[in-house]
N, C-alpha and C. Protein backbone atom coordinates (compact mmCIF):
# COMPACT_ATOMS: atom_id res chain seq x y z
N MET A 1 33.12 -9.08 -42.41
CA MET A 1 31.82 -9.25 -41.79
C MET A 1 31.17 -10.55 -42.24
N SER A 2 31.39 -10.96 -43.44
CA SER A 2 30.77 -12.19 -43.93
C SER A 2 31.36 -13.42 -43.24
N ARG A 3 32.63 -13.35 -42.85
CA ARG A 3 33.22 -14.48 -42.13
C ARG A 3 32.54 -14.69 -40.78
N ALA A 4 32.28 -13.61 -40.09
CA ALA A 4 31.60 -13.71 -38.79
C ALA A 4 30.19 -14.25 -38.98
N ALA A 5 29.50 -13.81 -40.00
CA ALA A 5 28.14 -14.29 -40.27
C ALA A 5 28.15 -15.77 -40.62
N GLU A 6 29.13 -16.20 -41.39
CA GLU A 6 29.26 -17.61 -41.74
C GLU A 6 29.56 -18.45 -40.49
N TRP A 7 30.47 -17.93 -39.67
CA TRP A 7 30.80 -18.66 -38.45
C TRP A 7 29.56 -18.77 -37.56
N TRP A 8 28.84 -17.67 -37.40
CA TRP A 8 27.63 -17.66 -36.58
C TRP A 8 26.62 -18.67 -37.11
N LYS A 9 26.42 -18.68 -38.41
CA LYS A 9 25.47 -19.59 -39.04
C LYS A 9 25.90 -21.05 -38.86
N ALA A 10 27.19 -21.31 -39.01
CA ALA A 10 27.71 -22.67 -38.88
C ALA A 10 27.63 -23.18 -37.44
N ASN A 11 27.66 -22.29 -36.48
CA ASN A 11 27.67 -22.68 -35.07
C ASN A 11 26.40 -22.28 -34.32
N ALA A 12 25.35 -21.93 -35.03
CA ALA A 12 24.13 -21.42 -34.40
C ALA A 12 23.52 -22.44 -33.43
N LEU A 13 23.46 -23.69 -33.82
CA LEU A 13 22.86 -24.70 -32.94
C LEU A 13 23.66 -24.85 -31.65
N ALA A 14 24.97 -24.97 -31.77
CA ALA A 14 25.82 -25.11 -30.59
C ALA A 14 25.72 -23.88 -29.69
N LEU A 15 25.71 -22.71 -30.29
CA LEU A 15 25.59 -21.48 -29.51
C LEU A 15 24.23 -21.40 -28.81
N ARG A 16 23.17 -21.84 -29.48
CA ARG A 16 21.84 -21.84 -28.87
C ARG A 16 21.80 -22.81 -27.69
N VAL A 17 22.37 -24.00 -27.86
CA VAL A 17 22.39 -24.99 -26.78
C VAL A 17 23.18 -24.46 -25.59
N ILE A 18 24.35 -23.92 -25.85
CA ILE A 18 25.18 -23.38 -24.76
C ILE A 18 24.48 -22.22 -24.08
N GLY A 19 23.91 -21.32 -24.85
CA GLY A 19 23.19 -20.17 -24.28
C GLY A 19 22.00 -20.61 -23.44
N THR A 20 21.24 -21.59 -23.93
CA THR A 20 20.09 -22.10 -23.19
C THR A 20 20.55 -22.78 -21.91
N PHE A 21 21.62 -23.56 -21.99
CA PHE A 21 22.16 -24.24 -20.81
C PHE A 21 22.56 -23.22 -19.74
N VAL A 22 23.31 -22.21 -20.13
CA VAL A 22 23.77 -21.20 -19.18
C VAL A 22 22.57 -20.44 -18.59
N ALA A 23 21.61 -20.09 -19.42
CA ALA A 23 20.42 -19.38 -18.93
C ALA A 23 19.64 -20.24 -17.93
N LEU A 24 19.49 -21.52 -18.24
CA LEU A 24 18.77 -22.42 -17.32
C LEU A 24 19.53 -22.60 -16.01
N ILE A 25 20.85 -22.65 -16.07
CA ILE A 25 21.66 -22.74 -14.85
C ILE A 25 21.36 -21.53 -13.97
N PHE A 26 21.34 -20.33 -14.57
CA PHE A 26 21.03 -19.12 -13.80
C PHE A 26 19.62 -19.18 -13.22
N VAL A 27 18.64 -19.63 -13.99
CA VAL A 27 17.26 -19.73 -13.51
C VAL A 27 17.18 -20.71 -12.34
N PHE A 28 17.77 -21.90 -12.51
CA PHE A 28 17.69 -22.90 -11.44
C PHE A 28 18.40 -22.43 -10.17
N PHE A 29 19.58 -21.83 -10.31
CA PHE A 29 20.29 -21.37 -9.13
C PHE A 29 19.57 -20.19 -8.48
N PHE A 30 18.92 -19.37 -9.29
CA PHE A 30 18.10 -18.30 -8.77
C PHE A 30 16.96 -18.89 -7.94
N LEU A 31 16.31 -19.92 -8.45
CA LEU A 31 15.22 -20.57 -7.72
C LEU A 31 15.69 -21.27 -6.45
N LEU A 32 16.93 -21.75 -6.46
CA LEU A 32 17.46 -22.47 -5.29
C LEU A 32 18.06 -21.55 -4.24
N THR A 33 18.35 -20.29 -4.60
CA THR A 33 19.10 -19.46 -3.66
C THR A 33 18.49 -18.10 -3.35
N TRP A 34 17.53 -17.62 -4.10
CA TRP A 34 17.00 -16.28 -3.88
C TRP A 34 16.08 -16.28 -2.68
N GLU A 35 16.38 -15.45 -1.72
CA GLU A 35 15.69 -15.44 -0.43
C GLU A 35 14.17 -15.30 -0.52
N PRO A 36 13.61 -14.41 -1.33
CA PRO A 36 12.14 -14.34 -1.39
C PRO A 36 11.48 -15.65 -1.85
N ILE A 37 12.15 -16.40 -2.66
CA ILE A 37 11.62 -17.70 -3.09
C ILE A 37 11.82 -18.73 -1.96
N LEU A 38 12.99 -18.70 -1.33
CA LEU A 38 13.29 -19.66 -0.27
C LEU A 38 12.32 -19.53 0.91
N THR A 39 11.84 -18.34 1.19
CA THR A 39 10.90 -18.18 2.30
C THR A 39 9.56 -18.81 1.99
N ARG A 40 9.22 -18.95 0.72
CA ARG A 40 7.93 -19.55 0.34
C ARG A 40 8.06 -21.03 -0.03
N PHE A 41 9.13 -21.36 -0.74
CA PHE A 41 9.28 -22.72 -1.25
C PHE A 41 10.77 -23.03 -1.40
N ASP A 42 11.34 -23.71 -0.43
CA ASP A 42 12.76 -24.03 -0.43
C ASP A 42 12.97 -25.45 -0.97
N VAL A 43 13.27 -25.53 -2.25
CA VAL A 43 13.44 -26.84 -2.91
C VAL A 43 14.58 -27.62 -2.27
N GLY A 44 15.70 -26.97 -2.03
CA GLY A 44 16.85 -27.65 -1.44
C GLY A 44 16.55 -28.24 -0.07
N ALA A 45 15.85 -27.45 0.77
CA ALA A 45 15.50 -27.95 2.10
C ALA A 45 14.50 -29.10 2.01
N GLY A 46 13.56 -29.00 1.09
CA GLY A 46 12.60 -30.10 0.91
C GLY A 46 13.27 -31.37 0.44
N MET A 47 14.21 -31.22 -0.48
CA MET A 47 14.94 -32.39 -0.97
C MET A 47 15.86 -32.95 0.12
N ALA A 48 16.40 -32.07 0.97
CA ALA A 48 17.24 -32.53 2.09
C ALA A 48 16.39 -33.33 3.08
N ARG A 49 15.18 -32.85 3.36
CA ARG A 49 14.27 -33.59 4.26
C ARG A 49 13.96 -34.97 3.70
N LEU A 50 13.68 -35.01 2.40
CA LEU A 50 13.37 -36.29 1.76
C LEU A 50 14.57 -37.23 1.79
N ALA A 51 15.77 -36.71 1.48
CA ALA A 51 16.99 -37.54 1.52
C ALA A 51 17.25 -38.04 2.93
N ALA A 52 17.05 -37.18 3.94
CA ALA A 52 17.28 -37.59 5.33
C ALA A 52 16.27 -38.65 5.74
N TRP A 53 15.02 -38.46 5.37
CA TRP A 53 13.96 -39.42 5.73
C TRP A 53 14.22 -40.78 5.09
N MET A 54 14.56 -40.78 3.80
CA MET A 54 14.81 -42.06 3.10
C MET A 54 16.08 -42.72 3.62
N SER A 55 17.13 -41.94 3.85
CA SER A 55 18.37 -42.49 4.39
C SER A 55 18.15 -43.06 5.78
N PHE A 56 17.35 -42.37 6.58
CA PHE A 56 17.06 -42.84 7.93
C PHE A 56 16.40 -44.22 7.89
N GLY A 57 15.52 -44.44 6.93
CA GLY A 57 14.90 -45.76 6.78
C GLY A 57 15.93 -46.84 6.54
N ILE A 58 16.88 -46.55 5.68
CA ILE A 58 17.96 -47.52 5.40
C ILE A 58 18.85 -47.70 6.62
N ILE A 59 19.19 -46.58 7.26
CA ILE A 59 20.07 -46.62 8.43
C ILE A 59 19.42 -47.40 9.57
N ARG A 60 18.10 -47.27 9.73
CA ARG A 60 17.40 -48.04 10.77
C ARG A 60 17.56 -49.54 10.55
N VAL A 61 17.41 -49.97 9.29
CA VAL A 61 17.57 -51.39 8.98
C VAL A 61 19.02 -51.81 9.21
N LEU A 62 19.96 -51.01 8.75
CA LEU A 62 21.38 -51.33 8.96
C LEU A 62 21.72 -51.38 10.45
N GLY A 63 21.09 -50.51 11.22
CA GLY A 63 21.33 -50.48 12.66
C GLY A 63 20.95 -51.78 13.34
N LEU A 64 19.92 -52.46 12.83
CA LEU A 64 19.53 -53.75 13.38
C LEU A 64 20.65 -54.78 13.23
N PHE A 65 21.34 -54.72 12.09
CA PHE A 65 22.40 -55.68 11.81
C PHE A 65 23.75 -55.27 12.41
N LEU A 66 23.99 -53.96 12.49
CA LEU A 66 25.28 -53.48 12.96
C LEU A 66 25.28 -53.11 14.44
N GLY A 67 24.12 -53.20 15.09
CA GLY A 67 24.06 -53.01 16.53
C GLY A 67 24.02 -51.57 17.01
N PHE A 68 23.36 -50.69 16.31
CA PHE A 68 23.18 -49.32 16.80
C PHE A 68 21.73 -48.90 16.57
N THR A 69 21.31 -47.93 17.37
CA THR A 69 19.95 -47.41 17.26
C THR A 69 20.03 -45.98 16.75
N PRO A 70 19.60 -45.73 15.53
CA PRO A 70 19.68 -44.37 14.98
C PRO A 70 18.52 -43.49 15.46
N HIS A 71 18.73 -42.19 15.35
CA HIS A 71 17.66 -41.24 15.63
C HIS A 71 17.68 -40.14 14.57
N ARG A 72 16.55 -39.49 14.43
CA ARG A 72 16.41 -38.38 13.47
C ARG A 72 15.81 -37.21 14.23
N THR A 73 16.49 -36.06 14.21
CA THR A 73 16.03 -34.90 14.97
C THR A 73 16.14 -33.65 14.12
N GLY A 74 15.96 -32.53 14.77
CA GLY A 74 16.05 -31.23 14.11
C GLY A 74 14.68 -30.75 13.70
N THR A 75 14.54 -29.45 13.56
CA THR A 75 13.25 -28.88 13.19
C THR A 75 12.79 -29.37 11.82
N LEU A 76 13.73 -29.68 10.95
CA LEU A 76 13.39 -30.18 9.62
C LEU A 76 13.52 -31.70 9.54
N GLY A 77 14.00 -32.33 10.59
CA GLY A 77 14.19 -33.78 10.57
C GLY A 77 15.37 -34.21 9.73
N THR A 78 16.35 -33.32 9.58
CA THR A 78 17.49 -33.63 8.72
C THR A 78 18.73 -34.06 9.49
N ILE A 79 18.67 -34.08 10.81
CA ILE A 79 19.82 -34.50 11.61
C ILE A 79 19.67 -35.99 11.89
N LEU A 80 20.64 -36.74 11.39
CA LEU A 80 20.67 -38.19 11.59
C LEU A 80 21.75 -38.51 12.60
N GLY A 81 21.47 -39.42 13.50
CA GLY A 81 22.47 -39.74 14.51
C GLY A 81 22.30 -41.13 15.07
N ALA A 82 23.29 -41.50 15.83
CA ALA A 82 23.28 -42.75 16.59
C ALA A 82 24.20 -42.50 17.79
N GLY A 83 23.64 -42.63 18.99
CA GLY A 83 24.42 -42.33 20.18
C GLY A 83 24.82 -40.86 20.17
N GLU A 84 26.10 -40.60 20.36
CA GLU A 84 26.62 -39.23 20.37
C GLU A 84 26.86 -38.68 18.96
N TYR A 85 26.95 -39.54 17.98
CA TYR A 85 27.27 -39.12 16.61
C TYR A 85 26.04 -38.55 15.91
N GLU A 86 26.21 -37.40 15.26
CA GLU A 86 25.13 -36.81 14.48
C GLU A 86 25.70 -36.14 13.23
N VAL A 87 24.90 -36.14 12.19
CA VAL A 87 25.25 -35.47 10.94
C VAL A 87 23.99 -34.81 10.39
N ASP A 88 24.14 -33.63 9.82
CA ASP A 88 23.00 -32.89 9.29
C ASP A 88 23.00 -32.99 7.77
N VAL A 89 21.89 -33.42 7.21
CA VAL A 89 21.73 -33.46 5.75
C VAL A 89 21.22 -32.07 5.36
N SER A 90 22.13 -31.22 4.96
CA SER A 90 21.79 -29.84 4.64
C SER A 90 21.26 -29.74 3.21
N PRO A 91 20.65 -28.61 2.86
CA PRO A 91 20.20 -28.43 1.47
C PRO A 91 21.33 -28.61 0.44
N ALA A 92 22.56 -28.30 0.84
CA ALA A 92 23.69 -28.50 -0.07
C ALA A 92 23.95 -29.98 -0.35
N CYS A 93 23.48 -30.84 0.54
CA CYS A 93 23.66 -32.29 0.39
C CYS A 93 22.41 -32.98 -0.15
N SER A 94 21.48 -32.21 -0.67
CA SER A 94 20.19 -32.75 -1.07
C SER A 94 20.17 -33.31 -2.48
N GLY A 95 21.16 -32.99 -3.28
CA GLY A 95 21.15 -33.40 -4.68
C GLY A 95 20.49 -32.37 -5.58
N ALA A 96 20.05 -31.24 -5.00
CA ALA A 96 19.36 -30.21 -5.79
C ALA A 96 20.27 -29.57 -6.84
N VAL A 97 21.51 -29.30 -6.49
CA VAL A 97 22.42 -28.64 -7.43
C VAL A 97 22.79 -29.56 -8.59
N PRO A 98 23.25 -30.80 -8.35
CA PRO A 98 23.54 -31.65 -9.50
C PRO A 98 22.31 -31.94 -10.34
N THR A 99 21.15 -32.04 -9.71
CA THR A 99 19.91 -32.24 -10.45
C THR A 99 19.62 -31.04 -11.34
N SER A 100 19.82 -29.85 -10.82
CA SER A 100 19.59 -28.63 -11.60
C SER A 100 20.51 -28.56 -12.81
N ILE A 101 21.77 -28.87 -12.60
CA ILE A 101 22.73 -28.84 -13.71
C ILE A 101 22.35 -29.90 -14.75
N TYR A 102 22.02 -31.09 -14.28
CA TYR A 102 21.60 -32.16 -15.18
C TYR A 102 20.36 -31.76 -15.97
N LEU A 103 19.34 -31.25 -15.28
CA LEU A 103 18.12 -30.85 -15.98
C LEU A 103 18.37 -29.74 -16.98
N ALA A 104 19.24 -28.81 -16.63
CA ALA A 104 19.60 -27.74 -17.58
C ALA A 104 20.22 -28.34 -18.84
N ALA A 105 21.08 -29.33 -18.67
CA ALA A 105 21.72 -29.97 -19.83
C ALA A 105 20.69 -30.72 -20.68
N VAL A 106 19.77 -31.42 -20.05
CA VAL A 106 18.73 -32.15 -20.78
C VAL A 106 17.81 -31.18 -21.52
N LEU A 107 17.36 -30.16 -20.82
CA LEU A 107 16.41 -29.22 -21.42
C LEU A 107 17.04 -28.37 -22.52
N ALA A 108 18.33 -28.11 -22.42
CA ALA A 108 19.01 -27.30 -23.44
C ALA A 108 19.33 -28.09 -24.70
N TYR A 109 19.45 -29.39 -24.56
CA TYR A 109 19.86 -30.23 -25.69
C TYR A 109 18.73 -30.33 -26.72
N PRO A 110 19.07 -30.27 -28.00
CA PRO A 110 18.03 -30.35 -29.03
C PRO A 110 17.48 -31.77 -29.15
N ALA A 111 16.36 -32.00 -28.49
CA ALA A 111 15.72 -33.31 -28.48
C ALA A 111 14.21 -33.10 -28.41
N SER A 112 13.47 -34.16 -28.67
CA SER A 112 12.01 -34.08 -28.61
C SER A 112 11.55 -33.93 -27.16
N ALA A 113 10.32 -33.49 -26.99
CA ALA A 113 9.75 -33.37 -25.64
C ALA A 113 9.72 -34.72 -24.95
N ARG A 114 9.42 -35.77 -25.71
CA ARG A 114 9.39 -37.13 -25.14
C ARG A 114 10.77 -37.52 -24.63
N ALA A 115 11.79 -37.27 -25.44
CA ALA A 115 13.16 -37.60 -25.04
C ALA A 115 13.59 -36.79 -23.82
N LYS A 116 13.21 -35.52 -23.78
CA LYS A 116 13.56 -34.68 -22.64
C LYS A 116 12.85 -35.15 -21.37
N THR A 117 11.61 -35.58 -21.50
CA THR A 117 10.88 -36.11 -20.34
C THR A 117 11.55 -37.37 -19.82
N ILE A 118 11.91 -38.28 -20.73
CA ILE A 118 12.60 -39.50 -20.33
C ILE A 118 13.92 -39.15 -19.65
N GLY A 119 14.67 -38.24 -20.25
CA GLY A 119 15.96 -37.84 -19.68
C GLY A 119 15.81 -37.20 -18.31
N ALA A 120 14.81 -36.34 -18.16
CA ALA A 120 14.60 -35.67 -16.87
C ALA A 120 14.23 -36.67 -15.78
N LEU A 121 13.31 -37.57 -16.08
CA LEU A 121 12.89 -38.56 -15.09
C LEU A 121 14.01 -39.54 -14.76
N MET A 122 14.71 -40.00 -15.79
CA MET A 122 15.79 -40.97 -15.59
C MET A 122 16.91 -40.34 -14.76
N GLY A 123 17.29 -39.13 -15.10
CA GLY A 123 18.37 -38.46 -14.38
C GLY A 123 18.00 -38.12 -12.95
N PHE A 124 16.77 -37.62 -12.76
CA PHE A 124 16.31 -37.29 -11.42
C PHE A 124 16.36 -38.53 -10.53
N ALA A 125 15.83 -39.64 -11.03
CA ALA A 125 15.82 -40.88 -10.25
C ALA A 125 17.24 -41.36 -9.95
N ALA A 126 18.10 -41.37 -10.95
CA ALA A 126 19.47 -41.87 -10.76
C ALA A 126 20.26 -41.00 -9.80
N ILE A 127 20.17 -39.68 -9.98
CA ILE A 127 20.93 -38.77 -9.11
C ILE A 127 20.47 -38.91 -7.67
N HIS A 128 19.16 -39.02 -7.46
CA HIS A 128 18.68 -39.10 -6.08
C HIS A 128 18.88 -40.47 -5.46
N PHE A 129 18.91 -41.50 -6.27
CA PHE A 129 19.27 -42.83 -5.75
C PHE A 129 20.73 -42.81 -5.28
N VAL A 130 21.62 -42.28 -6.11
CA VAL A 130 23.04 -42.20 -5.74
C VAL A 130 23.21 -41.29 -4.53
N ASN A 131 22.44 -40.21 -4.45
CA ASN A 131 22.54 -39.32 -3.30
C ASN A 131 22.07 -40.03 -2.03
N LEU A 132 21.07 -40.86 -2.14
CA LEU A 132 20.59 -41.65 -1.00
C LEU A 132 21.69 -42.60 -0.52
N VAL A 133 22.33 -43.28 -1.44
CA VAL A 133 23.45 -44.16 -1.10
C VAL A 133 24.58 -43.33 -0.48
N ARG A 134 24.83 -42.15 -1.05
CA ARG A 134 25.88 -41.25 -0.57
C ARG A 134 25.63 -40.84 0.88
N VAL A 135 24.43 -40.37 1.19
CA VAL A 135 24.10 -39.92 2.55
C VAL A 135 24.23 -41.09 3.53
N THR A 136 23.71 -42.23 3.15
CA THR A 136 23.77 -43.41 4.03
C THR A 136 25.22 -43.84 4.26
N ALA A 137 25.99 -43.91 3.19
CA ALA A 137 27.40 -44.31 3.32
C ALA A 137 28.19 -43.30 4.14
N LEU A 138 27.95 -42.02 3.92
CA LEU A 138 28.67 -41.01 4.70
C LEU A 138 28.31 -41.08 6.18
N PHE A 139 27.05 -41.37 6.47
CA PHE A 139 26.66 -41.56 7.87
C PHE A 139 27.48 -42.68 8.50
N LEU A 140 27.55 -43.81 7.81
CA LEU A 140 28.29 -44.96 8.35
C LEU A 140 29.79 -44.67 8.44
N ILE A 141 30.33 -44.00 7.44
CA ILE A 141 31.76 -43.65 7.47
C ILE A 141 32.04 -42.73 8.64
N GLY A 142 31.18 -41.72 8.83
CA GLY A 142 31.37 -40.80 9.94
C GLY A 142 31.25 -41.48 11.29
N MET A 143 30.36 -42.45 11.38
CA MET A 143 30.14 -43.14 12.64
C MET A 143 31.29 -44.10 12.97
N TYR A 144 31.77 -44.83 11.98
CA TYR A 144 32.79 -45.85 12.22
C TYR A 144 34.23 -45.41 11.92
N HIS A 145 34.39 -44.45 11.02
CA HIS A 145 35.74 -43.98 10.64
C HIS A 145 35.70 -42.46 10.48
N SER A 146 35.47 -41.76 11.57
CA SER A 146 35.27 -40.31 11.50
C SER A 146 36.43 -39.56 10.88
N SER A 147 37.63 -40.10 10.97
CA SER A 147 38.78 -39.42 10.38
C SER A 147 38.71 -39.39 8.85
N LEU A 148 37.91 -40.26 8.25
CA LEU A 148 37.77 -40.30 6.79
C LEU A 148 36.55 -39.50 6.29
N PHE A 149 35.72 -39.02 7.21
CA PHE A 149 34.46 -38.40 6.81
C PHE A 149 34.67 -37.18 5.92
N HIS A 150 35.48 -36.23 6.34
CA HIS A 150 35.63 -34.98 5.59
C HIS A 150 36.10 -35.21 4.16
N GLU A 151 37.19 -35.95 4.00
CA GLU A 151 37.72 -36.19 2.67
C GLU A 151 36.74 -36.98 1.80
N THR A 152 36.08 -37.97 2.40
CA THR A 152 35.11 -38.76 1.65
C THR A 152 33.93 -37.89 1.24
N HIS A 153 33.46 -37.05 2.14
CA HIS A 153 32.31 -36.18 1.87
C HIS A 153 32.64 -35.16 0.78
N VAL A 154 33.76 -34.48 0.94
CA VAL A 154 34.09 -33.37 0.04
C VAL A 154 34.63 -33.84 -1.30
N TYR A 155 35.49 -34.85 -1.32
CA TYR A 155 36.16 -35.22 -2.55
C TYR A 155 35.54 -36.43 -3.26
N VAL A 156 35.25 -37.46 -2.55
CA VAL A 156 34.78 -38.69 -3.18
C VAL A 156 33.27 -38.65 -3.45
N ALA A 157 32.49 -38.38 -2.43
CA ALA A 157 31.04 -38.46 -2.57
C ALA A 157 30.48 -37.42 -3.53
N GLN A 158 30.96 -36.20 -3.46
CA GLN A 158 30.48 -35.17 -4.39
C GLN A 158 30.87 -35.50 -5.81
N ALA A 159 32.09 -35.96 -5.99
CA ALA A 159 32.54 -36.33 -7.34
C ALA A 159 31.73 -37.50 -7.88
N LEU A 160 31.37 -38.42 -7.02
CA LEU A 160 30.56 -39.57 -7.44
C LEU A 160 29.21 -39.11 -8.00
N VAL A 161 28.54 -38.21 -7.31
CA VAL A 161 27.24 -37.72 -7.77
C VAL A 161 27.40 -36.99 -9.11
N ILE A 162 28.44 -36.19 -9.24
CA ILE A 162 28.69 -35.46 -10.49
C ILE A 162 28.98 -36.45 -11.62
N CYS A 163 29.81 -37.44 -11.37
CA CYS A 163 30.13 -38.43 -12.40
C CYS A 163 28.90 -39.21 -12.84
N VAL A 164 28.05 -39.56 -11.90
CA VAL A 164 26.81 -40.27 -12.25
C VAL A 164 25.92 -39.38 -13.10
N ALA A 165 25.81 -38.11 -12.74
CA ALA A 165 24.99 -37.18 -13.52
C ALA A 165 25.51 -37.06 -14.96
N VAL A 166 26.81 -36.95 -15.12
CA VAL A 166 27.40 -36.85 -16.46
C VAL A 166 27.20 -38.15 -17.23
N ALA A 167 27.42 -39.27 -16.57
CA ALA A 167 27.24 -40.58 -17.23
C ALA A 167 25.80 -40.80 -17.67
N ILE A 168 24.85 -40.45 -16.82
CA ILE A 168 23.44 -40.60 -17.17
C ILE A 168 23.10 -39.68 -18.34
N TRP A 169 23.61 -38.47 -18.32
CA TRP A 169 23.34 -37.55 -19.44
C TRP A 169 23.93 -38.10 -20.74
N LEU A 170 25.14 -38.60 -20.70
CA LEU A 170 25.76 -39.17 -21.90
C LEU A 170 24.96 -40.37 -22.41
N TYR A 171 24.52 -41.22 -21.49
CA TYR A 171 23.70 -42.37 -21.88
C TYR A 171 22.39 -41.90 -22.52
N TRP A 172 21.74 -40.95 -21.87
CA TRP A 172 20.48 -40.42 -22.39
C TRP A 172 20.68 -39.80 -23.78
N ALA A 173 21.69 -38.96 -23.91
CA ALA A 173 21.92 -38.27 -25.19
C ALA A 173 22.22 -39.25 -26.32
N SER A 174 22.92 -40.34 -26.01
CA SER A 174 23.26 -41.30 -27.06
C SER A 174 22.13 -42.29 -27.33
N ARG A 175 21.28 -42.54 -26.34
CA ARG A 175 20.24 -43.56 -26.48
C ARG A 175 18.87 -43.01 -26.87
N PHE A 176 18.51 -41.84 -26.36
CA PHE A 176 17.15 -41.34 -26.52
C PHE A 176 17.05 -40.10 -27.40
N THR A 177 18.16 -39.60 -27.91
CA THR A 177 18.12 -38.44 -28.80
C THR A 177 18.79 -38.82 -30.11
N ASP A 178 18.82 -37.88 -30.99
CA ASP A 178 19.48 -38.12 -32.29
C ASP A 178 20.92 -37.65 -32.26
N ALA A 179 21.61 -37.93 -31.17
CA ALA A 179 23.01 -37.56 -31.04
C ALA A 179 23.84 -38.32 -32.07
N PRO A 180 24.81 -37.66 -32.66
CA PRO A 180 25.64 -38.36 -33.63
C PRO A 180 26.44 -39.50 -32.99
N ALA A 181 26.44 -40.63 -33.66
CA ALA A 181 27.20 -41.78 -33.16
C ALA A 181 28.67 -41.59 -33.49
N SER A 182 29.54 -42.12 -32.63
CA SER A 182 30.98 -41.96 -32.88
C SER A 182 31.50 -43.10 -33.72
């Protein structure tokens, strides 16, 4: 019994961080997916609207140079198109899930409130900037090279957002917290 107590004591911080991270993941996913909450406040749909609106601004400018006229439709304004081509920026493409995972990692990590605030703001901005580039690039890929859209969307673009989130977290943890140096 004393070995287990020693192990628990030696690993208490790591276990607390992991437990907090997992608990926050459940809370965030509950907030993003539970129907009674979604009927009142759908974070994913709101973030999808924002991503579609911002991407549309970029696409409009690109359309001037590339010779197409884009449009934005749908009840939520998340359908982006040009001519016959259209793509829907769904809540799954909003950046809400990678942001939730990132925020859970920042909030679970043993750091000061100031460091966590910096990490949350920095990560939120970086993830959503990359997601904006992602949505815009996928629109153009779908419009000009539709045969590459699915693979780029599912494998490349999603992995890019995840890699950026991990990289930003690693940078934050090494720069703004008391993380051990290697």
